[in-house]
Amino acid sequence: MIRRPPRSTQLLRSRLRQLCIIEILQCILLLGDAYNTFNDTCAVGIEPVKEKMDDLLDNSLMLVTALNRHVGYENASKIAKTGYK
């Protein structure tokens, strides 16, 4: 014979589900507001400086990590050390 849980347990479970949905909706609204604020105050009007980007790209030692698959870790670390000097 299968026993059903007490009615109070079912009501509690139902109420908790409603609270979870409300909290998720509030989080979604908060994230939306954060996105709009970031967009309005930070992202609009940003222009890339091509010369600075090229300089950072040419002088970045972190790009050596992309070579690991092709030349191996040891050779990539030698290249990074040489570039650092």
PDB file of N, CA and C in Angstrom:
ATOM      1  N   MET A   1       0.832  -1.170   0.000  1.00  0.00           N
ATOM      2  CA  MET A   1       0.000   0.000   0.000  1.00  0.00           C
ATOM      3  C   MET A   1       0.885   1.245   0.000  1.00  0.00           C
ATOM      4  N   ILE A   2       0.591   2.179  -0.882  1.00  0.00           N
ATOM      5  CA  ILE A   2       1.361   3.411  -0.996  1.00  0.00           C
ATOM      6  C   ILE A   2       0.720   4.476  -0.123  1.00  0.00           C
ATOM      7  N   ARG A   3       1.552   5.073   0.711  1.00  0.00           N
ATOM      8  CA  ARG A   3       1.044   6.126   1.596  1.00  0.00           C
ATOM      9  C   ARG A   3       1.351   7.487   0.995  1.00  0.00           C
ATOM     10  N   ARG A   4       0.425   8.371   1.063  1.00  0.00           N
ATOM     11  CA  ARG A   4       0.619   9.733   0.600  1.00  0.00           C
ATOM     12  C   ARG A   4       1.141  10.577   1.754  1.00  0.00           C
ATOM     13  N   PRO A   5       1.994  11.550   1.456  1.00  0.00           N
ATOM     14  CA  PRO A   5       2.475  12.420   2.535  1.00  0.00           C
ATOM     15  C   PRO A   5       1.339  13.267   3.072  1.00  0.00           C
ATOM     16  N   PRO A   6       1.499  13.759   4.269  1.00  0.00           N
ATOM     17  CA  PRO A   6       0.455  14.617   4.844  1.00  0.00           C
ATOM     18  C   PRO A   6       0.199  15.842   3.971  1.00  0.00           C
ATOM     19  N   ARG A   7      -1.005  16.336   4.043  1.00  0.00           N
ATOM     20  CA  ARG A   7      -1.388  17.470   3.219  1.00  0.00           C
ATOM     21  C   ARG A   7      -0.518  18.700   3.490  1.00  0.00           C
ATOM     22  N   SER A   8      -0.069  18.877   4.700  1.00  0.00           N
ATOM     23  CA  SER A   8       0.770  20.032   5.032  1.00  0.00           C
ATOM     24  C   SER A   8       2.089  19.972   4.269  1.00  0.00           C
ATOM     25  N   THR A   9       2.619  18.790   4.048  1.00  0.00           N
ATOM     26  CA  THR A   9       3.867  18.648   3.289  1.00  0.00           C
ATOM     27  C   THR A   9       3.656  19.064   1.848  1.00  0.00           C
ATOM     28  N   GLN A  10       2.546  18.670   1.275  1.00  0.00           N
ATOM     29  CA  GLN A  10       2.250  19.055  -0.104  1.00  0.00           C
ATOM     30  C   GLN A  10       2.081  20.561  -0.227  1.00  0.00           C
ATOM     31  N   LEU A  11       1.435  21.173   0.736  1.00  0.00           N
ATOM     32  CA  LEU A  11       1.264  22.627   0.713  1.00  0.00           C
ATOM     33  C   LEU A  11       2.603  23.338   0.847  1.00  0.00           C
ATOM     34  N   LEU A  12       3.449  22.825   1.724  1.00  0.00           N
ATOM     35  CA  LEU A  12       4.766  23.414   1.909  1.00  0.00           C
ATOM     36  C   LEU A  12       5.574  23.318   0.631  1.00  0.00           C
ATOM     37  N   ARG A  13       5.551  22.160  -0.019  1.00  0.00           N
ATOM     38  CA  ARG A  13       6.276  21.965  -1.259  1.00  0.00           C
ATOM     39  C   ARG A  13       5.760  22.915  -2.336  1.00  0.00           C
ATOM     40  N   SER A  14       4.468  23.084  -2.408  1.00  0.00           N
ATOM     41  CA  SER A  14       3.853  23.985  -3.381  1.00  0.00           C
ATOM     42  C   SER A  14       4.286  25.425  -3.124  1.00  0.00           C
ATOM     43  N   ARG A  15       4.299  25.832  -1.870  1.00  0.00           N
ATOM     44  CA  ARG A  15       4.691  27.204  -1.507  1.00  0.00           C
ATOM     45  C   ARG A  15       6.170  27.440  -1.795  1.00  0.00           C
ATOM     46  N   LEU A  16       7.000  26.461  -1.513  1.00  0.00           N
ATOM     47  CA  LEU A  16       8.432  26.611  -1.788  1.00  0.00           C
ATOM     48  C   LEU A  16       8.688  26.743  -3.284  1.00  0.00           C
ATOM     49  N   ARG A  17       7.948  26.000  -4.079  1.00  0.00           N
ATOM     50  CA  ARG A  17       8.091  26.094  -5.536  1.00  0.00           C
ATOM     51  C   ARG A  17       7.744  27.511  -5.994  1.00  0.00           C
ATOM     52  N   GLN A  18       6.687  28.078  -5.437  1.00  0.00           N
ATOM     53  CA  GLN A  18       6.304  29.446  -5.795  1.00  0.00           C
ATOM     54  C   GLN A  18       7.380  30.439  -5.386  1.00  0.00           C
ATOM     55  N   LEU A  19       7.949  30.259  -4.207  1.00  0.00           N
ATOM     56  CA  LEU A  19       9.011  31.156  -3.749  1.00  0.00           C
ATOM     57  C   LEU A  19      10.245  31.056  -4.639  1.00  0.00           C
ATOM     58  N   CYS A  20      10.591  29.853  -5.059  1.00  0.00           N
ATOM     59  CA  CYS A  20      11.741  29.672  -5.943  1.00  0.00           C
ATOM     60  C   CYS A  20      11.514  30.380  -7.275  1.00  0.00           C
ATOM     61  N   ILE A  21      10.329  30.262  -7.803  1.00  0.00           N
ATOM     62  CA  ILE A  21      10.018  30.929  -9.070  1.00  0.00           C
ATOM     63  C   ILE A  21      10.096  32.436  -8.913  1.00  0.00           C
ATOM     64  N   ILE A  22       9.582  32.960  -7.823  1.00  0.00           N
ATOM     65  CA  ILE A  22       9.641  34.403  -7.574  1.00  0.00           C
ATOM     66  C   ILE A  22      11.089  34.863  -7.465  1.00  0.00           C
ATOM     67  N   GLU A  23      11.908  34.106  -6.745  1.00  0.00           N
ATOM     68  CA  GLU A  23      13.319  34.482  -6.581  1.00  0.00           C
ATOM     69  C   GLU A  23      14.062  34.439  -7.917  1.00  0.00           C
ATOM     70  N   ILE A  24      13.774  33.448  -8.734  1.00  0.00           N
ATOM     71  CA  ILE A  24      14.418  33.360 -10.048  1.00  0.00           C
ATOM     72  C   ILE A  24      14.023  34.543 -10.912  1.00  0.00           C
ATOM     73  N   LEU A  25      12.755  34.907 -10.893  1.00  0.00           N
ATOM     74  CA  LEU A  25      12.314  36.065 -11.674  1.00  0.00           C
ATOM     75  C   LEU A  25      12.963  37.352 -11.188  1.00  0.00           C
ATOM     76  N   GLN A  26      13.120  37.510  -9.876  1.00  0.00           N
ATOM     77  CA  GLN A  26      13.789  38.696  -9.346  1.00  0.00           C
ATOM     78  C   GLN A  26      15.255  38.733  -9.781  1.00  0.00           C
ATOM     79  N   CYS A  27      15.916  37.585  -9.802  1.00  0.00           N
ATOM     80  CA  CYS A  27      17.309  37.529 -10.255  1.00  0.00           C
ATOM     81  C   CYS A  27      17.419  37.899 -11.733  1.00  0.00           C
ATOM     82  N   ILE A  28      16.494  37.426 -12.532  1.00  0.00           N
ATOM     83  CA  ILE A  28      16.498  37.757 -13.956  1.00  0.00           C
ATOM     84  C   ILE A  28      16.309  39.256 -14.151  1.00  0.00           C
ATOM     85  N   LEU A  29      15.382  39.850 -13.400  1.00  0.00           N
ATOM     86  CA  LEU A  29      15.171  41.300 -13.498  1.00  0.00           C
ATOM     87  C   LEU A  29      16.409  42.067 -13.052  1.00  0.00           C
ATOM     88  N   LEU A  30      17.055  41.617 -11.995  1.00  0.00           N
ATOM     89  CA  LEU A  30      18.266  42.276 -11.506  1.00  0.00           C
ATOM     90  C   LEU A  30      19.385  42.197 -12.539  1.00  0.00           C
ATOM     91  N   LEU A  31      19.557  41.028 -13.151  1.00  0.00           N
ATOM     92  CA  LEU A  31      20.578  40.886 -14.192  1.00  0.00           C
ATOM     93  C   LEU A  31      20.267  41.774 -15.394  1.00  0.00           C
ATOM     94  N   GLY A  32      19.000  41.874 -15.748  1.00  0.00           N
ATOM     95  CA  GLY A  32      18.608  42.753 -16.851  1.00  0.00           C
ATOM     96  C   GLY A  32      18.918  44.206 -16.553  1.00  0.00           C
ATOM     97  N   ASP A  33      18.622  44.629 -15.333  1.00  0.00           N
ATOM     98  CA  ASP A  33      18.941  46.003 -14.934  1.00  0.00           C
ATOM     99  C   ASP A  33      20.445  46.249 -14.942  1.00  0.00           C
ATOM    100  N   ALA A  34      21.212  45.277 -14.469  1.00  0.00           N
ATOM    101  CA  ALA A  34      22.669  45.417 -14.463  1.00  0.00           C
ATOM    102  C   ALA A  34      23.202  45.530 -15.885  1.00  0.00           C
ATOM    103  N   TYR A  35      22.661  44.719 -16.781  1.00  0.00           N
ATOM    104  CA  TYR A  35      23.082  44.787 -18.177  1.00  0.00           C
ATOM    105  C   TYR A  35      22.780  46.161 -18.768  1.00  0.00           C
ATOM    106  N   ASN A  36      21.578  46.656 -18.543  1.00  0.00           N
ATOM    107  CA  ASN A  36      21.211  47.966 -19.086  1.00  0.00           C
ATOM    108  C   ASN A  36      22.079  49.074 -18.519  1.00  0.00           C
ATOM    109  N   THR A  37      22.358  49.029 -17.227  1.00  0.00           N
ATOM    110  CA  THR A  37      23.204  50.045 -16.601  1.00  0.00           C
ATOM    111  C   THR A  37      24.618  49.989 -17.164  1.00  0.00           C
ATOM    112  N   PHE A  38      25.173  48.786 -17.286  1.00  0.00           N
ATOM    113  CA  PHE A  38      26.519  48.644 -17.858  1.00  0.00           C
ATOM    114  C   PHE A  38      26.541  49.173 -19.287  1.00  0.00           C
ATOM    115  N   ASN A  39      25.543  48.827 -20.047  1.00  0.00           N
ATOM    116  CA  ASN A  39      25.485  49.260 -21.437  1.00  0.00           C
ATOM    117  C   ASN A  39      25.399  50.781 -21.531  1.00  0.00           C
ATOM    118  N   ASP A  40      24.544  51.380 -20.720  1.00  0.00           N
ATOM    119  CA  ASP A  40      24.337  52.829 -20.790  1.00  0.00           C
ATOM    120  C   ASP A  40      25.541  53.615 -20.286  1.00  0.00           C
ATOM    121  N   THR A  41      26.195  53.142 -19.232  1.00  0.00           N
ATOM    122  CA  THR A  41      27.254  53.934 -18.603  1.00  0.00           C
ATOM    123  C   THR A  41      28.666  53.533 -19.017  1.00  0.00           C
ATOM    124  N   CYS A  42      28.849  52.341 -19.555  1.00  0.00           N
ATOM    125  CA  CYS A  42      30.213  51.896 -19.872  1.00  0.00           C
ATOM    126  C   CYS A  42      30.427  51.550 -21.341  1.00  0.00           C
ATOM    127  N   ALA A  43      29.553  50.735 -21.894  1.00  0.00           N
ATOM    128  CA  ALA A  43      29.823  50.149 -23.207  1.00  0.00           C
ATOM    129  C   ALA A  43      29.534  51.096 -24.369  1.00  0.00           C
ATOM    130  N   VAL A  44      28.558  51.971 -24.223  1.00  0.00           N
ATOM    131  CA  VAL A  44      28.195  52.853 -25.334  1.00  0.00           C
ATOM    132  C   VAL A  44      29.295  53.888 -25.523  1.00  0.00           C
ATOM    133  N   GLY A  45      29.768  53.989 -26.731  1.00  0.00           N
ATOM    134  CA  GLY A  45      30.777  54.999 -27.047  1.00  0.00           C
ATOM    135  C   GLY A  45      32.211  54.526 -26.968  1.00  0.00           C
ATOM    136  N   ILE A  46      32.432  53.285 -26.584  1.00  0.00           N
ATOM    137  CA  ILE A  46      33.804  52.784 -26.519  1.00  0.00           C
ATOM    138  C   ILE A  46      34.312  52.544 -27.933  1.00  0.00           C
ATOM    139  N   GLU A  47      35.464  53.079 -28.230  1.00  0.00           N
ATOM    140  CA  GLU A  47      36.092  52.882 -29.530  1.00  0.00           C
ATOM    141  C   GLU A  47      37.438  52.197 -29.334  1.00  0.00           C
ATOM    142  N   PRO A  48      37.735  51.165 -30.098  1.00  0.00           N
ATOM    143  CA  PRO A  48      39.029  50.501 -29.959  1.00  0.00           C
ATOM    144  C   PRO A  48      40.148  51.368 -30.527  1.00  0.00           C
ATOM    145  N   VAL A  49      41.309  51.288 -29.883  1.00  0.00           N
ATOM    146  CA  VAL A  49      42.498  51.979 -30.360  1.00  0.00           C
ATOM    147  C   VAL A  49      43.355  50.918 -31.035  1.00  0.00           C
ATOM    148  N   LYS A  50      43.326  50.908 -32.367  1.00  0.00           N
ATOM    149  CA  LYS A  50      43.978  49.843 -33.139  1.00  0.00           C
ATOM    150  C   LYS A  50      45.474  49.761 -32.851  1.00  0.00           C
ATOM    151  N   GLU A  51      46.147  50.896 -32.726  1.00  0.00           N
ATOM    152  CA  GLU A  51      47.594  50.883 -32.481  1.00  0.00           C
ATOM    153  C   GLU A  51      47.917  50.221 -31.141  1.00  0.00           C
ATOM    154  N   LYS A  52      47.131  50.537 -30.118  1.00  0.00           N
ATOM    155  CA  LYS A  52      47.341  49.956 -28.792  1.00  0.00           C
ATOM    156  C   LYS A  52      47.070  48.454 -28.824  1.00  0.00           C
ATOM    157  N   MET A  53      46.012  48.058 -29.547  1.00  0.00           N
ATOM    158  CA  MET A  53      45.705  46.637 -29.659  1.00  0.00           C
ATOM    159  C   MET A  53      46.830  45.880 -30.356  1.00  0.00           C
ATOM    160  N   ASP A  54      47.369  46.454 -31.427  1.00  0.00           N
ATOM    161  CA  ASP A  54      48.474  45.804 -32.141  1.00  0.00           C
ATOM    162  C   ASP A  54      49.709  45.706 -31.261  1.00  0.00           C
ATOM    163  N   ASP A  55      49.985  46.771 -30.500  1.00  0.00           N
ATOM    164  CA  ASP A  55      51.141  46.767 -29.603  1.00  0.00           C
ATOM    165  C   ASP A  55      50.991  45.698 -28.523  1.00  0.00           C
ATOM    166  N   LEU A  56      49.826  45.610 -27.911  1.00  0.00           N
ATOM    167  CA  LEU A  56      49.591  44.596 -26.880  1.00  0.00           C
ATOM    168  C   LEU A  56      49.657  43.186 -27.458  1.00  0.00           C
ATOM    169  N   LEU A  57      49.155  43.015 -28.652  1.00  0.00           N
ATOM    170  CA  LEU A  57      49.180  41.705 -29.292  1.00  0.00           C
ATOM    171  C   LEU A  57      50.600  41.281 -29.632  1.00  0.00           C
ATOM    172  N   ASP A  58      51.396  42.219 -30.139  1.00  0.00           N
ATOM    173  CA  ASP A  58      52.772  41.894 -30.524  1.00  0.00           C
ATOM    174  C   ASP A  58      53.667  41.629 -29.322  1.00  0.00           C
ATOM    175  N   ASN A  59      53.373  42.248 -28.185  1.00  0.00           N
ATOM    176  CA  ASN A  59      54.251  42.136 -27.018  1.00  0.00           C
ATOM    177  C   ASN A  59      53.682  41.259 -25.904  1.00  0.00           C
ATOM    178  N   SER A  60      52.686  40.455 -26.205  1.00  0.00           N
ATOM    179  CA  SER A  60      52.073  39.621 -25.174  1.00  0.00           C
ATOM    180  C   SER A  60      52.738  38.256 -25.127  1.00  0.00           C
ATOM    181  N   LEU A  61      53.257  37.907 -23.965  1.00  0.00           N
ATOM    182  CA  LEU A  61      53.874  36.587 -23.795  1.00  0.00           C
ATOM    183  C   LEU A  61      52.824  35.497 -23.607  1.00  0.00           C
ATOM    184  N   MET A  62      51.614  35.868 -23.266  1.00  0.00           N
ATOM    185  CA  MET A  62      50.579  34.856 -23.045  1.00  0.00           C
ATOM    186  C   MET A  62      50.178  34.156 -24.336  1.00  0.00           C
ATOM    187  N   LEU A  63      50.462  34.756 -25.473  1.00  0.00           N
ATOM    188  CA  LEU A  63      50.115  34.121 -26.739  1.00  0.00           C
ATOM    189  C   LEU A  63      50.918  32.847 -26.979  1.00  0.00           C
ATOM    190  N   VAL A  64      52.018  32.705 -26.262  1.00  0.00           N
ATOM    191  CA  VAL A  64      52.842  31.501 -26.402  1.00  0.00           C
ATOM    192  C   VAL A  64      52.066  30.258 -25.980  1.00  0.00           C
ATOM    193  N   THR A  65      51.120  30.412 -25.061  1.00  0.00           N
ATOM    194  CA  THR A  65      50.365  29.239 -24.610  1.00  0.00           C
ATOM    195  C   THR A  65      49.563  28.614 -25.744  1.00  0.00           C
ATOM    196  N   ALA A  66      49.240  29.395 -26.758  1.00  0.00           N
ATOM    197  CA  ALA A  66      48.534  28.835 -27.914  1.00  0.00           C
ATOM    198  C   ALA A  66      49.433  27.915 -28.720  1.00  0.00           C
ATOM    199  N   LEU A  67      50.734  28.061 -28.548  1.00  0.00           N
ATOM    200  CA  LEU A  67      51.684  27.218 -29.293  1.00  0.00           C
ATOM    201  C   LEU A  67      51.893  25.855 -28.655  1.00  0.00           C
ATOM    202  N   ASN A  68      51.444  25.668 -27.438  1.00  0.00           N
ATOM    203  CA  ASN A  68      51.680  24.410 -26.717  1.00  0.00           C
ATOM    204  C   ASN A  68      51.286  23.188 -27.530  1.00  0.00           C
ATOM    205  N   ARG A  69      50.153  23.236 -28.176  1.00  0.00           N
ATOM    206  CA  ARG A  69      49.685  22.073 -28.943  1.00  0.00           C
ATOM    207  C   ARG A  69      50.584  21.772 -30.128  1.00  0.00           C
ATOM    208  N   HIS A  70      51.183  22.803 -30.688  1.00  0.00           N
ATOM    209  CA  HIS A  70      51.941  22.632 -31.926  1.00  0.00           C
ATOM    210  C   HIS A  70      53.427  22.373 -31.688  1.00  0.00           C
ATOM    211  N   VAL A  71      54.022  23.055 -30.734  1.00  0.00           N
ATOM    212  CA  VAL A  71      55.470  22.913 -30.524  1.00  0.00           C
ATOM    213  C   VAL A  71      55.816  22.229 -29.213  1.00  0.00           C
ATOM    214  N   GLY A  72      54.834  21.986 -28.373  1.00  0.00           N
ATOM    215  CA  GLY A  72      55.085  21.353 -27.080  1.00  0.00           C
ATOM    216  C   GLY A  72      55.348  22.380 -25.993  1.00  0.00           C
ATOM    217  N   TYR A  73      55.175  21.936 -24.762  1.00  0.00           N
ATOM    218  CA  TYR A  73      55.287  22.850 -23.625  1.00  0.00           C
ATOM    219  C   TYR A  73      56.710  23.362 -23.448  1.00  0.00           C
ATOM    220  N   GLU A  74      57.661  22.471 -23.570  1.00  0.00           N
ATOM    221  CA  GLU A  74      59.070  22.873 -23.354  1.00  0.00           C
ATOM    222  C   GLU A  74      59.495  23.948 -24.352  1.00  0.00           C
ATOM    223  N   ASN A  75      59.205  23.722 -25.627  1.00  0.00           N
ATOM    224  CA  ASN A  75      59.596  24.702 -26.643  1.00  0.00           C
ATOM    225  C   ASN A  75      58.835  26.010 -26.473  1.00  0.00           C
ATOM    226  N   ALA A  76      57.569  25.922 -26.106  1.00  0.00           N
ATOM    227  CA  ALA A  76      56.787  27.137 -25.885  1.00  0.00           C
ATOM    228  C   ALA A  76      57.355  27.937 -24.716  1.00  0.00           C
ATOM    229  N   SER A  77      57.781  27.255 -23.666  1.00  0.00           N
ATOM    230  CA  SER A  77      58.366  27.973 -22.527  1.00  0.00           C
ATOM    231  C   SER A  77      59.704  28.600 -22.906  1.00  0.00           C
ATOM    232  N   LYS A  78      60.489  27.951 -23.761  1.00  0.00           N
ATOM    233  CA  LYS A  78      61.752  28.544 -24.235  1.00  0.00           C
ATOM    234  C   LYS A  78      61.472  29.805 -25.035  1.00  0.00           C
ATOM    235  N   ILE A  79      60.434  29.738 -25.881  1.00  0.00           N
ATOM    236  CA  ILE A  79      60.078  30.910 -26.693  1.00  0.00           C
ATOM    237  C   ILE A  79      59.644  32.057 -25.779  1.00  0.00           C
ATOM    238  N   ALA A  80      58.873  31.751 -24.753  1.00  0.00           N
ATOM    239  CA  ALA A  80      58.407  32.786 -23.814  1.00  0.00           C
ATOM    240  C   ALA A  80      59.586  33.387 -23.053  1.00  0.00           C
ATOM    241  N   LYS A  81      60.508  32.558 -22.617  1.00  0.00           N
ATOM    242  CA  LYS A  81      61.682  33.087 -21.904  1.00  0.00           C
ATOM    243  C   LYS A  81      62.523  33.966 -22.806  1.00  0.00           C
ATOM    244  N   THR A  82      62.690  33.555 -24.056  1.00  0.00           N
ATOM    245  CA  THR A  82      63.461  34.368 -25.001  1.00  0.00           C
ATOM    246  C   THR A  82      62.755  35.684 -25.258  1.00  0.00           C
ATOM    247  N   GLY A  83      61.450  35.653 -25.409  1.00  0.00           N
ATOM    248  CA  GLY A  83      60.683  36.873 -25.637  1.00  0.00           C
ATOM    249  C   GLY A  83      60.719  37.803 -24.436  1.00  0.00           C
ATOM    250  N   TYR A  84      60.790  37.235 -23.240  1.00  0.00           N
ATOM    251  CA  TYR A  84      60.820  38.047 -22.025  1.00  0.00           C
ATOM    252  C   TYR A  84      62.131  38.800 -21.893  1.00  0.00           C
ATOM    253  N   LYS A  85      63.206  38.170 -22.344  1.00  0.00           N
ATOM    254  CA  LYS A  85      64.533  38.825 -22.268  1.00  0.00           C
ATOM    255  C   LYS A  85      64.601  39.923 -23.273  1.00  0.00           C
TER     256      LYS A  85
END
